[in-house]
Amino acid sequence: EVRGAQENNSGPVPEKKRMMPVRLADIDWSGCAAVYGRPYRDRVIHLLALRDYKEPELLARLQRDGVRPKDKDSLGKILQQVANLNARDNSFSLKEHLFQTLQTDWPGYSKIDRENLRLILSR
């Protein structure tokens, strides 16, 4: 005789959430691949152009698009070169003279990012 699990009548059982399978072939990698191939310093500059970042936020954003092993430990050095530290909230902002070097057609920018950058550059 095979016994089933005992029923528990203490309340409703929550439903399990099912994850939708994603095929790697269905993901649009073009933006990630295009940004991944760019110099790490340029990637940092183009992110800081849009807004101020704290170092952990910036690192997480960069890692989302992929970080090469050789670039993994160079963020602090790059930030010293291209950013100003706001001691009040420990955030980094892009140094003013680097705004001249920005590419408005940067592959990591969305359409909204490009519009925001145009507004920033017009000031």
PDB file of N, CA and C in Angstrom:
ATOM      1  N   GLU A   1       0.845  -1.179   0.000  1.00  0.00           N
ATOM      2  CA  GLU A   1       0.000   0.000   0.000  1.00  0.00           C
ATOM      3  C   GLU A   1       0.892   1.245   0.000  1.00  0.00           C
ATOM      4  N   VAL A   2       0.610   2.187  -0.888  1.00  0.00           N
ATOM      5  CA  VAL A   2       1.365   3.440  -0.982  1.00  0.00           C
ATOM      6  C   VAL A   2       0.530   4.532  -0.364  1.00  0.00           C
ATOM      7  N   ARG A   3       1.169   5.254   0.542  1.00  0.00           N
ATOM      8  CA  ARG A   3       0.457   6.351   1.194  1.00  0.00           C
ATOM      9  C   ARG A   3       0.851   7.674   0.563  1.00  0.00           C
ATOM     10  N   GLY A   4      -0.070   8.548   0.399  1.00  0.00           N
ATOM     11  CA  GLY A   4       0.208   9.888  -0.107  1.00  0.00           C
ATOM     12  C   GLY A   4       0.586  10.800   1.045  1.00  0.00           C
ATOM     13  N   ALA A   5       0.988  11.994   0.725  1.00  0.00           N
ATOM     14  CA  ALA A   5       1.341  12.969   1.760  1.00  0.00           C
ATOM     15  C   ALA A   5       0.085  13.345   2.522  1.00  0.00           C
ATOM     16  N   GLN A   6       0.258  13.611   3.804  1.00  0.00           N
ATOM     17  CA  GLN A   6      -0.886  14.000   4.605  1.00  0.00           C
ATOM     18  C   GLN A   6      -1.353  15.381   4.190  1.00  0.00           C
ATOM     19  N   GLU A   7      -2.627  15.538   4.170  1.00  0.00           N
ATOM     20  CA  GLU A   7      -3.175  16.832   3.793  1.00  0.00           C
ATOM     21  C   GLU A   7      -3.165  17.744   5.000  1.00  0.00           C
ATOM     22  N   ASN A   8      -2.860  18.996   4.746  1.00  0.00           N
ATOM     23  CA  ASN A   8      -2.858  20.004   5.795  1.00  0.00           C
ATOM     24  C   ASN A   8      -3.996  20.958   5.493  1.00  0.00           C
ATOM     25  N   ASN A   9      -4.963  21.005   6.367  1.00  0.00           N
ATOM     26  CA  ASN A   9      -6.134  21.843   6.138  1.00  0.00           C
ATOM     27  C   ASN A   9      -6.024  23.184   6.838  1.00  0.00           C
ATOM     28  N   SER A  10      -4.803  23.653   7.099  1.00  0.00           N
ATOM     29  CA  SER A  10      -4.642  24.896   7.843  1.00  0.00           C
ATOM     30  C   SER A  10      -4.868  26.131   6.986  1.00  0.00           C
ATOM     31  N   GLY A  11      -4.963  25.992   5.702  1.00  0.00           N
ATOM     32  CA  GLY A  11      -5.215  27.160   4.856  1.00  0.00           C
ATOM     33  C   GLY A  11      -4.829  26.876   3.425  1.00  0.00           C
ATOM     34  N   PRO A  12      -5.052  27.861   2.575  1.00  0.00           N
ATOM     35  CA  PRO A  12      -4.727  27.668   1.166  1.00  0.00           C
ATOM     36  C   PRO A  12      -3.211  27.588   0.958  1.00  0.00           C
ATOM     37  N   VAL A  13      -2.831  26.770   0.033  1.00  0.00           N
ATOM     38  CA  VAL A  13      -1.424  26.596  -0.296  1.00  0.00           C
ATOM     39  C   VAL A  13      -1.075  27.598  -1.390  1.00  0.00           C
ATOM     40  N   PRO A  14      -0.022  28.389  -1.174  1.00  0.00           N
ATOM     41  CA  PRO A  14       0.315  29.371  -2.220  1.00  0.00           C
ATOM     42  C   PRO A  14       0.790  28.657  -3.485  1.00  0.00           C
ATOM     43  N   GLU A  15       0.426  29.243  -4.615  1.00  0.00           N
ATOM     44  CA  GLU A  15       0.826  28.660  -5.891  1.00  0.00           C
ATOM     45  C   GLU A  15       2.294  28.947  -6.150  1.00  0.00           C
ATOM     46  N   LYS A  16       2.952  28.011  -6.779  1.00  0.00           N
ATOM     47  CA  LYS A  16       4.340  28.233  -7.168  1.00  0.00           C
ATOM     48  C   LYS A  16       4.356  29.120  -8.404  1.00  0.00           C
ATOM     49  N   LYS A  17       5.283  30.094  -8.397  1.00  0.00           N
ATOM     50  CA  LYS A  17       5.420  30.943  -9.568  1.00  0.00           C
ATOM     51  C   LYS A  17       6.320  30.240 -10.566  1.00  0.00           C
ATOM     52  N   ARG A  18       5.868  30.222 -11.785  1.00  0.00           N
ATOM     53  CA  ARG A  18       6.644  29.575 -12.830  1.00  0.00           C
ATOM     54  C   ARG A  18       7.480  30.615 -13.559  1.00  0.00           C
ATOM     55  N   MET A  19       8.709  30.287 -13.793  1.00  0.00           N
ATOM     56  CA  MET A  19       9.595  31.149 -14.556  1.00  0.00           C
ATOM     57  C   MET A  19       9.412  30.831 -16.035  1.00  0.00           C
ATOM     58  N   MET A  20       9.343  31.853 -16.822  1.00  0.00           N
ATOM     59  CA  MET A  20       9.241  31.655 -18.256  1.00  0.00           C
ATOM     60  C   MET A  20      10.628  31.351 -18.795  1.00  0.00           C
ATOM     61  N   PRO A  21      10.792  30.265 -19.501  1.00  0.00           N
ATOM     62  CA  PRO A  21      12.117  29.960 -20.046  1.00  0.00           C
ATOM     63  C   PRO A  21      12.493  30.974 -21.124  1.00  0.00           C
ATOM     64  N   VAL A  22      13.750  31.362 -21.131  1.00  0.00           N
ATOM     65  CA  VAL A  22      14.246  32.300 -22.123  1.00  0.00           C
ATOM     66  C   VAL A  22      15.345  31.608 -22.918  1.00  0.00           C
ATOM     67  N   ARG A  23      15.178  31.626 -24.196  1.00  0.00           N
ATOM     68  CA  ARG A  23      16.221  31.047 -25.049  1.00  0.00           C
ATOM     69  C   ARG A  23      17.271  32.125 -25.294  1.00  0.00           C
ATOM     70  N   LEU A  24      18.543  31.755 -25.189  1.00  0.00           N
ATOM     71  CA  LEU A  24      19.621  32.713 -25.413  1.00  0.00           C
ATOM     72  C   LEU A  24      19.558  33.313 -26.808  1.00  0.00           C
ATOM     73  N   ALA A  25      19.043  32.555 -27.748  1.00  0.00           N
ATOM     74  CA  ALA A  25      18.934  33.050 -29.119  1.00  0.00           C
ATOM     75  C   ALA A  25      17.899  34.172 -29.230  1.00  0.00           C
ATOM     76  N   ASP A  26      16.971  34.260 -28.269  1.00  0.00           N
ATOM     77  CA  ASP A  26      15.927  35.274 -28.316  1.00  0.00           C
ATOM     78  C   ASP A  26      16.346  36.601 -27.703  1.00  0.00           C
ATOM     79  N   ILE A  27      17.501  36.663 -27.046  1.00  0.00           N
ATOM     80  CA  ILE A  27      17.949  37.883 -26.379  1.00  0.00           C
ATOM     81  C   ILE A  27      18.687  38.757 -27.380  1.00  0.00           C
ATOM     82  N   ASP A  28      18.414  40.058 -27.339  1.00  0.00           N
ATOM     83  CA  ASP A  28      19.123  40.992 -28.208  1.00  0.00           C
ATOM     84  C   ASP A  28      20.438  41.366 -27.539  1.00  0.00           C
ATOM     85  N   TRP A  29      21.514  40.783 -28.002  1.00  0.00           N
ATOM     86  CA  TRP A  29      22.838  41.001 -27.425  1.00  0.00           C
ATOM     87  C   TRP A  29      23.575  42.136 -28.117  1.00  0.00           C
ATOM     88  N   SER A  30      23.030  42.739 -29.135  1.00  0.00           N
ATOM     89  CA  SER A  30      23.778  43.701 -29.936  1.00  0.00           C
ATOM     90  C   SER A  30      24.274  44.879 -29.107  1.00  0.00           C
ATOM     91  N   GLY A  31      23.434  45.419 -28.226  1.00  0.00           N
ATOM     92  CA  GLY A  31      23.865  46.538 -27.400  1.00  0.00           C
ATOM     93  C   GLY A  31      24.954  46.138 -26.432  1.00  0.00           C
ATOM     94  N   CYS A  32      24.788  44.993 -25.766  1.00  0.00           N
ATOM     95  CA  CYS A  32      25.788  44.512 -24.809  1.00  0.00           C
ATOM     96  C   CYS A  32      27.102  44.233 -25.500  1.00  0.00           C
ATOM     97  N   ALA A  33      27.055  43.564 -26.635  1.00  0.00           N
ATOM     98  CA  ALA A  33      28.278  43.202 -27.336  1.00  0.00           C
ATOM     99  C   ALA A  33      28.998  44.443 -27.841  1.00  0.00           C
ATOM    100  N   ALA A  34      28.249  45.408 -28.317  1.00  0.00           N
ATOM    101  CA  ALA A  34      28.860  46.626 -28.835  1.00  0.00           C
ATOM    102  C   ALA A  34      29.534  47.417 -27.713  1.00  0.00           C
ATOM    103  N   VAL A  35      28.926  47.450 -26.551  1.00  0.00           N
ATOM    104  CA  VAL A  35      29.496  48.173 -25.417  1.00  0.00           C
ATOM    105  C   VAL A  35      30.649  47.385 -24.818  1.00  0.00           C
ATOM    106  N   TYR A  36      30.514  46.087 -24.749  1.00  0.00           N
ATOM    107  CA  TYR A  36      31.556  45.232 -24.181  1.00  0.00           C
ATOM    108  C   TYR A  36      32.867  45.385 -24.940  1.00  0.00           C
ATOM    109  N   GLY A  37      32.787  45.599 -26.218  1.00  0.00           N
ATOM    110  CA  GLY A  37      33.980  45.741 -27.042  1.00  0.00           C
ATOM    111  C   GLY A  37      34.660  47.096 -26.924  1.00  0.00           C
ATOM    112  N   ARG A  38      34.024  48.051 -26.271  1.00  0.00           N
ATOM    113  CA  ARG A  38      34.585  49.389 -26.129  1.00  0.00           C
ATOM    114  C   ARG A  38      35.533  49.452 -24.937  1.00  0.00           C
ATOM    115  N   PRO A  39      36.449  50.422 -24.937  1.00  0.00           N
ATOM    116  CA  PRO A  39      37.353  50.577 -23.792  1.00  0.00           C
ATOM    117  C   PRO A  39      36.572  50.838 -22.500  1.00  0.00           C
ATOM    118  N   TYR A  40      37.058  50.243 -21.428  1.00  0.00           N
ATOM    119  CA  TYR A  40      36.397  50.351 -20.122  1.00  0.00           C
ATOM    120  C   TYR A  40      36.276  51.808 -19.689  1.00  0.00           C
ATOM    121  N   ARG A  41      37.322  52.577 -19.912  1.00  0.00           N
ATOM    122  CA  ARG A  41      37.321  53.999 -19.538  1.00  0.00           C
ATOM    123  C   ARG A  41      36.191  54.737 -20.250  1.00  0.00           C
ATOM    124  N   ASP A  42      36.008  54.479 -21.530  1.00  0.00           N
ATOM    125  CA  ASP A  42      34.934  55.127 -22.296  1.00  0.00           C
ATOM    126  C   ASP A  42      33.559  54.728 -21.765  1.00  0.00           C
ATOM    127  N   ARG A  43      33.433  53.488 -21.372  1.00  0.00           N
ATOM    128  CA  ARG A  43      32.154  53.028 -20.825  1.00  0.00           C
ATOM    129  C   ARG A  43      31.823  53.784 -19.541  1.00  0.00           C
ATOM    130  N   VAL A  44      32.833  53.978 -18.688  1.00  0.00           N
ATOM    131  CA  VAL A  44      32.631  54.719 -17.438  1.00  0.00           C
ATOM    132  C   VAL A  44      32.250  56.165 -17.742  1.00  0.00           C
ATOM    133  N   ILE A  45      32.964  56.785 -18.657  1.00  0.00           N
ATOM    134  CA  ILE A  45      32.691  58.178 -19.030  1.00  0.00           C
ATOM    135  C   ILE A  45      31.263  58.335 -19.535  1.00  0.00           C
ATOM    136  N   HIS A  46      30.832  57.436 -20.401  1.00  0.00           N
ATOM    137  CA  HIS A  46      29.492  57.569 -20.985  1.00  0.00           C
ATOM    138  C   HIS A  46      28.375  57.301 -19.973  1.00  0.00           C
ATOM    139  N   LEU A  47      28.635  56.490 -18.976  1.00  0.00           N
ATOM    140  CA  LEU A  47      27.635  56.299 -17.926  1.00  0.00           C
ATOM    141  C   LEU A  47      27.567  57.518 -17.013  1.00  0.00           C
ATOM    142  N   LEU A  48      28.716  58.053 -16.640  1.00  0.00           N
ATOM    143  CA  LEU A  48      28.747  59.213 -15.743  1.00  0.00           C
ATOM    144  C   LEU A  48      28.202  60.477 -16.413  1.00  0.00           C
ATOM    145  N   ALA A  49      28.184  60.498 -17.739  1.00  0.00           N
ATOM    146  CA  ALA A  49      27.647  61.655 -18.447  1.00  0.00           C
ATOM    147  C   ALA A  49      26.149  61.815 -18.201  1.00  0.00           C
ATOM    148  N   LEU A  50      25.465  60.703 -17.969  1.00  0.00           N
ATOM    149  CA  LEU A  50      24.016  60.750 -17.810  1.00  0.00           C
ATOM    150  C   LEU A  50      23.583  61.114 -16.403  1.00  0.00           C
ATOM    151  N   ARG A  51      24.346  60.635 -15.409  1.00  0.00           N
ATOM    152  CA  ARG A  51      23.986  60.930 -14.024  1.00  0.00           C
ATOM    153  C   ARG A  51      25.141  60.583 -13.105  1.00  0.00           C
ATOM    154  N   ASP A  52      25.043  61.027 -11.853  1.00  0.00           N
ATOM    155  CA  ASP A  52      26.047  60.686 -10.851  1.00  0.00           C
ATOM    156  C   ASP A  52      25.808  59.260 -10.358  1.00  0.00           C
ATOM    157  N   TYR A  53      26.881  58.566 -10.071  1.00  0.00           N
ATOM    158  CA  TYR A  53      26.808  57.195  -9.574  1.00  0.00           C
ATOM    159  C   TYR A  53      27.654  57.043  -8.322  1.00  0.00           C
ATOM    160  N   LYS A  54      27.195  56.215  -7.420  1.00  0.00           N
ATOM    161  CA  LYS A  54      28.052  55.737  -6.344  1.00  0.00           C
ATOM    162  C   LYS A  54      28.830  54.565  -6.920  1.00  0.00           C
ATOM    163  N   GLU A  55      30.006  54.300  -6.365  1.00  0.00           N
ATOM    164  CA  GLU A  55      30.871  53.284  -6.955  1.00  0.00           C
ATOM    165  C   GLU A  55      30.209  51.906  -7.064  1.00  0.00           C
ATOM    166  N   PRO A  56      29.503  51.419  -6.023  1.00  0.00           N
ATOM    167  CA  PRO A  56      28.862  50.096  -6.176  1.00  0.00           C
ATOM    168  C   PRO A  56      27.803  50.070  -7.280  1.00  0.00           C
ATOM    169  N   GLU A  57      27.054  51.165  -7.434  1.00  0.00           N
ATOM    170  CA  GLU A  57      26.044  51.241  -8.498  1.00  0.00           C
ATOM    171  C   GLU A  57      26.701  51.193  -9.873  1.00  0.00           C
ATOM    172  N   LEU A  58      27.774  51.949 -10.000  1.00  0.00           N
ATOM    173  CA  LEU A  58      28.478  52.009 -11.275  1.00  0.00           C
ATOM    174  C   LEU A  58      29.083  50.650 -11.627  1.00  0.00           C
ATOM    175  N   LEU A  59      29.669  50.012 -10.649  1.00  0.00           N
ATOM    176  CA  LEU A  59      30.257  48.693 -10.865  1.00  0.00           C
ATOM    177  C   LEU A  59      29.196  47.680 -11.292  1.00  0.00           C
ATOM    178  N   ALA A  60      28.039  47.718 -10.630  1.00  0.00           N
ATOM    179  CA  ALA A  60      26.947  46.807 -10.983  1.00  0.00           C
ATOM    180  C   ALA A  60      26.465  47.064 -12.406  1.00  0.00           C
ATOM    181  N   ARG A  61      26.364  48.322 -12.779  1.00  0.00           N
ATOM    182  CA  ARG A  61      25.911  48.682 -14.127  1.00  0.00           C
ATOM    183  C   ARG A  61      26.899  48.211 -15.185  1.00  0.00           C
ATOM    184  N   LEU A  62      28.184  48.381 -14.901  1.00  0.00           N
ATOM    185  CA  LEU A  62      29.219  47.942 -15.830  1.00  0.00           C
ATOM    186  C   LEU A  62      29.244  46.419 -15.952  1.00  0.00           C
ATOM    187  N   GLN A  63      29.057  45.737 -14.847  1.00  0.00           N
ATOM    188  CA  GLN A  63      29.082  44.278 -14.852  1.00  0.00           C
ATOM    189  C   GLN A  63      27.892  43.704 -15.612  1.00  0.00           C
ATOM    190  N   ARG A  64      26.787  44.430 -15.616  1.00  0.00           N
ATOM    191  CA  ARG A  64      25.605  43.962 -16.344  1.00  0.00           C
ATOM    192  C   ARG A  64      25.900  43.809 -17.835  1.00  0.00           C
ATOM    193  N   ASP A  65      26.729  44.703 -18.371  1.00  0.00           N
ATOM    194  CA  ASP A  65      27.100  44.618 -19.778  1.00  0.00           C
ATOM    195  C   ASP A  65      28.334  43.756 -20.002  1.00  0.00           C
ATOM    196  N   GLY A  66      28.971  43.337 -18.926  1.00  0.00           N
ATOM    197  CA  GLY A  66      30.157  42.484 -19.027  1.00  0.00           C
ATOM    198  C   GLY A  66      31.437  43.245 -18.769  1.00  0.00           C
ATOM    199  N   VAL A  67      32.308  42.654 -17.985  1.00  0.00           N
ATOM    200  CA  VAL A  67      33.598  43.259 -17.660  1.00  0.00           C
ATOM    201  C   VAL A  67      34.681  42.250 -17.987  1.00  0.00           C
ATOM    202  N   ARG A  68      35.664  42.702 -18.704  1.00  0.00           N
ATOM    203  CA  ARG A  68      36.802  41.833 -19.016  1.00  0.00           C
ATOM    204  C   ARG A  68      37.638  41.641 -17.757  1.00  0.00           C
ATOM    205  N   PRO A  69      38.262  40.479 -17.602  1.00  0.00           N
ATOM    206  CA  PRO A  69      39.096  40.235 -16.409  1.00  0.00           C
ATOM    207  C   PRO A  69      40.182  41.282 -16.207  1.00  0.00           C
ATOM    208  N   LYS A  70      40.770  41.779 -17.294  1.00  0.00           N
ATOM    209  CA  LYS A  70      41.842  42.772 -17.165  1.00  0.00           C
ATOM    210  C   LYS A  70      41.316  44.122 -16.650  1.00  0.00           C
ATOM    211  N   ASP A  71      40.019  44.393 -16.821  1.00  0.00           N
ATOM    212  CA  ASP A  71      39.433  45.665 -16.388  1.00  0.00           C
ATOM    213  C   ASP A  71      38.824  45.604 -14.997  1.00  0.00           C
ATOM    214  N   LYS A  72      38.687  44.417 -14.451  1.00  0.00           N
ATOM    215  CA  LYS A  72      37.926  44.209 -13.223  1.00  0.00           C
ATOM    216  C   LYS A  72      38.376  45.083 -12.058  1.00  0.00           C
ATOM    217  N   ASP A  73      39.678  45.278 -11.892  1.00  0.00           N
ATOM    218  CA  ASP A  73      40.183  46.010 -10.736  1.00  0.00           C
ATOM    219  C   ASP A  73      40.605  47.440 -11.055  1.00  0.00           C
ATOM    220  N   SER A  74      40.237  47.959 -12.217  1.00  0.00           N
ATOM    221  CA  SER A  74      40.720  49.281 -12.612  1.00  0.00           C
ATOM    222  C   SER A  74      39.698  50.401 -12.445  1.00  0.00           C
ATOM    223  N   LEU A  75      38.525  50.121 -11.901  1.00  0.00           N
ATOM    224  CA  LEU A  75      37.499  51.152 -11.793  1.00  0.00           C
ATOM    225  C   LEU A  75      37.959  52.313 -10.917  1.00  0.00           C
ATOM    226  N   GLY A  76      38.562  52.044  -9.783  1.00  0.00           N
ATOM    227  CA  GLY A  76      39.019  53.119  -8.887  1.00  0.00           C
ATOM    228  C   GLY A  76      39.996  54.050  -9.568  1.00  0.00           C
ATOM    229  N   LYS A  77      40.929  53.486 -10.306  1.00  0.00           N
ATOM    230  CA  LYS A  77      41.929  54.279 -11.026  1.00  0.00           C
ATOM    231  C   LYS A  77      41.266  55.146 -12.098  1.00  0.00           C
ATOM    232  N   ILE A  78      40.330  54.562 -12.823  1.00  0.00           N
ATOM    233  CA  ILE A  78      39.627  55.300 -13.880  1.00  0.00           C
ATOM    234  C   ILE A  78      38.800  56.433 -13.276  1.00  0.00           C
ATOM    235  N   LEU A  79      38.125  56.157 -12.156  1.00  0.00           N
ATOM    236  CA  LEU A  79      37.319  57.198 -11.512  1.00  0.00           C
ATOM    237  C   LEU A  79      38.178  58.383 -11.082  1.00  0.00           C
ATOM    238  N   GLN A  80      39.389  58.132 -10.623  1.00  0.00           N
ATOM    239  CA  GLN A  80      40.290  59.229 -10.253  1.00  0.00           C
ATOM    240  C   GLN A  80      40.607  60.102 -11.459  1.00  0.00           C
ATOM    241  N   GLN A  81      40.688  59.503 -12.631  1.00  0.00           N
ATOM    242  CA  GLN A  81      41.033  60.236 -13.846  1.00  0.00           C
ATOM    243  C   GLN A  81      39.863  61.015 -14.428  1.00  0.00           C
ATOM    244  N   VAL A  82      38.659  60.450 -14.370  1.00  0.00           N
ATOM    245  CA  VAL A  82      37.539  61.012 -15.142  1.00  0.00           C
ATOM    246  C   VAL A  82      36.415  61.597 -14.297  1.00  0.00           C
ATOM    247  N   ALA A  83      36.464  61.435 -12.982  1.00  0.00           N
ATOM    248  CA  ALA A  83      35.305  61.831 -12.170  1.00  0.00           C
ATOM    249  C   ALA A  83      35.713  62.671 -10.963  1.00  0.00           C
ATOM    250  N   ASN A  84      34.750  63.435 -10.498  1.00  0.00           N
ATOM    251  CA  ASN A  84      34.879  64.184  -9.250  1.00  0.00           C
ATOM    252  C   ASN A  84      34.068  63.461  -8.188  1.00  0.00           C
ATOM    253  N   LEU A  85      34.637  63.341  -6.997  1.00  0.00           N
ATOM    254  CA  LEU A  85      33.931  62.706  -5.880  1.00  0.00           C
ATOM    255  C   LEU A  85      33.162  63.754  -5.109  1.00  0.00           C
ATOM    256  N   ASN A  86      31.880  63.503  -4.911  1.00  0.00           N
ATOM    257  CA  ASN A  86      31.057  64.348  -4.056  1.00  0.00           C
ATOM    258  C   ASN A  86      31.122  63.734  -2.659  1.00  0.00           C
ATOM    259  N   ALA A  87      31.852  64.368  -1.752  1.00  0.00           N
ATOM    260  CA  ALA A  87      32.084  63.806  -0.419  1.00  0.00           C
ATOM    261  C   ALA A  87      30.800  63.716   0.404  1.00  0.00           C
ATOM    262  N   ARG A  88      29.811  64.527   0.078  1.00  0.00           N
ATOM    263  CA  ARG A  88      28.561  64.525   0.835  1.00  0.00           C
ATOM    264  C   ARG A  88      27.834  63.194   0.733  1.00  0.00           C
ATOM    265  N   ASP A  89      27.754  62.633  -0.484  1.00  0.00           N
ATOM    266  CA  ASP A  89      27.027  61.369  -0.650  1.00  0.00           C
ATOM    267  C   ASP A  89      27.878  60.269  -1.301  1.00  0.00           C
ATOM    268  N   ASN A  90      29.182  60.496  -1.416  1.00  0.00           N
ATOM    269  CA  ASN A  90      30.112  59.527  -1.998  1.00  0.00           C
ATOM    270  C   ASN A  90      29.728  59.111  -3.416  1.00  0.00           C
ATOM    271  N   SER A  91      29.244  60.060  -4.189  1.00  0.00           N
ATOM    272  CA  SER A  91      28.907  59.773  -5.578  1.00  0.00           C
ATOM    273  C   SER A  91      29.951  60.416  -6.482  1.00  0.00           C
ATOM    274  N   PHE A  92      30.005  59.919  -7.704  1.00  0.00           N
ATOM    275  CA  PHE A  92      30.968  60.414  -8.681  1.00  0.00           C
ATOM    276  C   PHE A  92      30.218  61.091  -9.818  1.00  0.00           C
ATOM    277  N   SER A  93      30.764  62.222 -10.271  1.00  0.00           N
ATOM    278  CA  SER A  93      30.209  62.924 -11.428  1.00  0.00           C
ATOM    279  C   SER A  93      31.328  63.123 -12.444  1.00  0.00           C
ATOM    280  N   LEU A  94      30.971  63.188 -13.691  1.00  0.00           N
ATOM    281  CA  LEU A  94      31.942  63.319 -14.766  1.00  0.00           C
ATOM    282  C   LEU A  94      32.600  64.694 -14.720  1.00  0.00           C
ATOM    283  N   LYS A  95      33.902  64.737 -14.912  1.00  0.00           N
ATOM    284  CA  LYS A  95      34.630  66.013 -14.967  1.00  0.00           C
ATOM    285  C   LYS A  95      34.159  66.795 -16.186  1.00  0.00           C
ATOM    286  N   GLU A  96      34.039  68.098 -16.013  1.00  0.00           N
ATOM    287  CA  GLU A  96      33.447  68.958 -17.039  1.00  0.00           C
ATOM    288  C   GLU A  96      34.122  68.845 -18.404  1.00  0.00           C
ATOM    289  N   HIS A  97      35.447  68.823 -18.449  1.00  0.00           N
ATOM    290  CA  HIS A  97      36.138  68.831 -19.739  1.00  0.00           C
ATOM    291  C   HIS A  97      35.892  67.557 -20.555  1.00  0.00           C
ATOM    292  N   LEU A  98      35.406  66.493 -19.924  1.00  0.00           N
ATOM    293  CA  LEU A  98      35.161  65.239 -20.646  1.00  0.00           C
ATOM    294  C   LEU A  98      33.823  65.223 -21.381  1.00  0.00           C
ATOM    295  N   PHE A  99      32.953  66.177 -21.085  1.00  0.00           N
ATOM    296  CA  PHE A  99      31.679  66.230 -21.801  1.00  0.00           C
ATOM    297  C   PHE A  99      31.905  66.501 -23.297  1.00  0.00           C
ATOM    298  N   GLN A 100      33.028  67.138 -23.621  1.00  0.00           N
ATOM    299  CA  GLN A 100      33.342  67.432 -25.019  1.00  0.00           C
ATOM    300  C   GLN A 100      33.686  66.167 -25.807  1.00  0.00           C
ATOM    301  N   THR A 101      34.075  65.108 -25.116  1.00  0.00           N
ATOM    302  CA  THR A 101      34.527  63.892 -25.786  1.00  0.00           C
ATOM    303  C   THR A 101      33.414  62.862 -25.988  1.00  0.00           C
ATOM    304  N   LEU A 102      32.217  63.162 -25.535  1.00  0.00           N
ATOM    305  CA  LEU A 102      31.127  62.181 -25.576  1.00  0.00           C
ATOM    306  C   LEU A 102      30.621  61.925 -26.989  1.00  0.00           C
ATOM    307  N   GLN A 103      30.200  60.698 -27.211  1.00  0.00           N
ATOM    308  CA  GLN A 103      29.574  60.305 -28.472  1.00  0.00           C
ATOM    309  C   GLN A 103      28.073  60.200 -28.226  1.00  0.00           C
ATOM    310  N   THR A 104      27.303  61.007 -28.914  1.00  0.00           N
ATOM    311  CA  THR A 104      25.853  60.973 -28.699  1.00  0.00           C
ATOM    312  C   THR A 104      25.232  59.698 -29.259  1.00  0.00           C
ATOM    313  N   ASP A 105      25.949  59.006 -30.140  1.00  0.00           N
ATOM    314  CA  ASP A 105      25.431  57.756 -30.695  1.00  0.00           C
ATOM    315  C   ASP A 105      26.058  56.540 -30.017  1.00  0.00           C
ATOM    316  N   TRP A 106      26.455  56.682 -28.771  1.00  0.00           N
ATOM    317  CA  TRP A 106      27.052  55.584 -27.998  1.00  0.00           C
ATOM    318  C   TRP A 106      26.114  54.376 -28.028  1.00  0.00           C
ATOM    319  N   PRO A 107      26.616  53.180 -28.343  1.00  0.00           N
ATOM    320  CA  PRO A 107      25.731  52.017 -28.488  1.00  0.00           C
ATOM    321  C   PRO A 107      25.050  51.581 -27.187  1.00  0.00           C
ATOM    322  N   GLY A 108      25.559  51.977 -26.049  1.00  0.00           N
ATOM    323  CA  GLY A 108      24.936  51.604 -24.783  1.00  0.00           C
ATOM    324  C   GLY A 108      23.783  52.506 -24.384  1.00  0.00           C
ATOM    325  N   TYR A 109      23.567  53.584 -25.138  1.00  0.00           N
ATOM    326  CA  TYR A 109      22.495  54.522 -24.824  1.00  0.00           C
ATOM    327  C   TYR A 109      21.173  54.099 -25.460  1.00  0.00           C
ATOM    328  N   SER A 110      20.124  54.210 -24.681  1.00  0.00           N
ATOM    329  CA  SER A 110      18.783  54.024 -25.230  1.00  0.00           C
ATOM    330  C   SER A 110      18.367  55.343 -25.892  1.00  0.00           C
ATOM    331  N   LYS A 111      17.229  55.338 -26.509  1.00  0.00           N
ATOM    332  CA  LYS A 111      16.720  56.558 -27.142  1.00  0.00           C
ATOM    333  C   LYS A 111      16.521  57.653 -26.085  1.00  0.00           C
ATOM    334  N   ILE A 112      16.026  57.278 -24.931  1.00  0.00           N
ATOM    335  CA  ILE A 112      15.813  58.242 -23.846  1.00  0.00           C
ATOM    336  C   ILE A 112      17.149  58.766 -23.336  1.00  0.00           C
ATOM    337  N   ASP A 113      18.150  57.879 -23.207  1.00  0.00           N
ATOM    338  CA  ASP A 113      19.478  58.313 -22.782  1.00  0.00           C
ATOM    339  C   ASP A 113      20.051  59.339 -23.747  1.00  0.00           C
ATOM    340  N   ARG A 114      19.872  59.109 -25.032  1.00  0.00           N
ATOM    341  CA  ARG A 114      20.391  60.050 -26.038  1.00  0.00           C
ATOM    342  C   ARG A 114      19.710  61.408 -25.915  1.00  0.00           C
ATOM    343  N   GLU A 115      18.401  61.401 -25.683  1.00  0.00           N
ATOM    344  CA  GLU A 115      17.676  62.658 -25.507  1.00  0.00           C
ATOM    345  C   GLU A 115      18.150  63.371 -24.248  1.00  0.00           C
ATOM    346  N   ASN A 116      18.330  62.640 -23.161  1.00  0.00           N
ATOM    347  CA  ASN A 116      18.824  63.236 -21.918  1.00  0.00           C
ATOM    348  C   ASN A 116      20.224  63.807 -22.101  1.00  0.00           C
ATOM    349  N   LEU A 117      21.062  63.108 -22.839  1.00  0.00           N
ATOM    350  CA  LEU A 117      22.414  63.601 -23.076  1.00  0.00           C
ATOM    351  C   LEU A 117      22.386  64.884 -23.891  1.00  0.00           C
ATOM    352  N   ARG A 118      21.530  64.957 -24.869  1.00  0.00           N
ATOM    353  CA  ARG A 118      21.414  66.198 -25.655  1.00  0.00           C
ATOM    354  C   ARG A 118      21.006  67.374 -24.772  1.00  0.00           C
ATOM    355  N   LEU A 119      20.089  67.132 -23.851  1.00  0.00           N
ATOM    356  CA  LEU A 119      19.698  68.189 -22.909  1.00  0.00           C
ATOM    357  C   LEU A 119      20.865  68.598 -22.010  1.00  0.00           C
ATOM    358  N   ILE A 120      21.590  67.612 -21.518  1.00  0.00           N
ATOM    359  CA  ILE A 120      22.733  67.896 -20.653  1.00  0.00           C
ATOM    360  C   ILE A 120      23.800  68.695 -21.407  1.00  0.00           C
ATOM    361  N   LEU A 121      24.080  68.303 -22.638  1.00  0.00           N
ATOM    362  CA  LEU A 121      25.096  68.973 -23.419  1.00  0.00           C
ATOM    363  C   LEU A 121      24.693  70.383 -23.842  1.00  0.00           C
ATOM    364  N   SER A 122      23.401  70.640 -23.953  1.00  0.00           N
ATOM    365  CA  SER A 122      22.942  71.961 -24.359  1.00  0.00           C
ATOM    366  C   SER A 122      23.085  73.004 -23.248  1.00  0.00           C
ATOM    367  N   ARG A 123      23.279  72.539 -22.019  1.00  0.00           N
ATOM    368  CA  ARG A 123      23.409  73.486 -20.882  1.00  0.00           C
ATOM    369  C   ARG A 123      24.771  74.100 -20.817  1.00  0.00           C
TER     370      ARG A 123
END
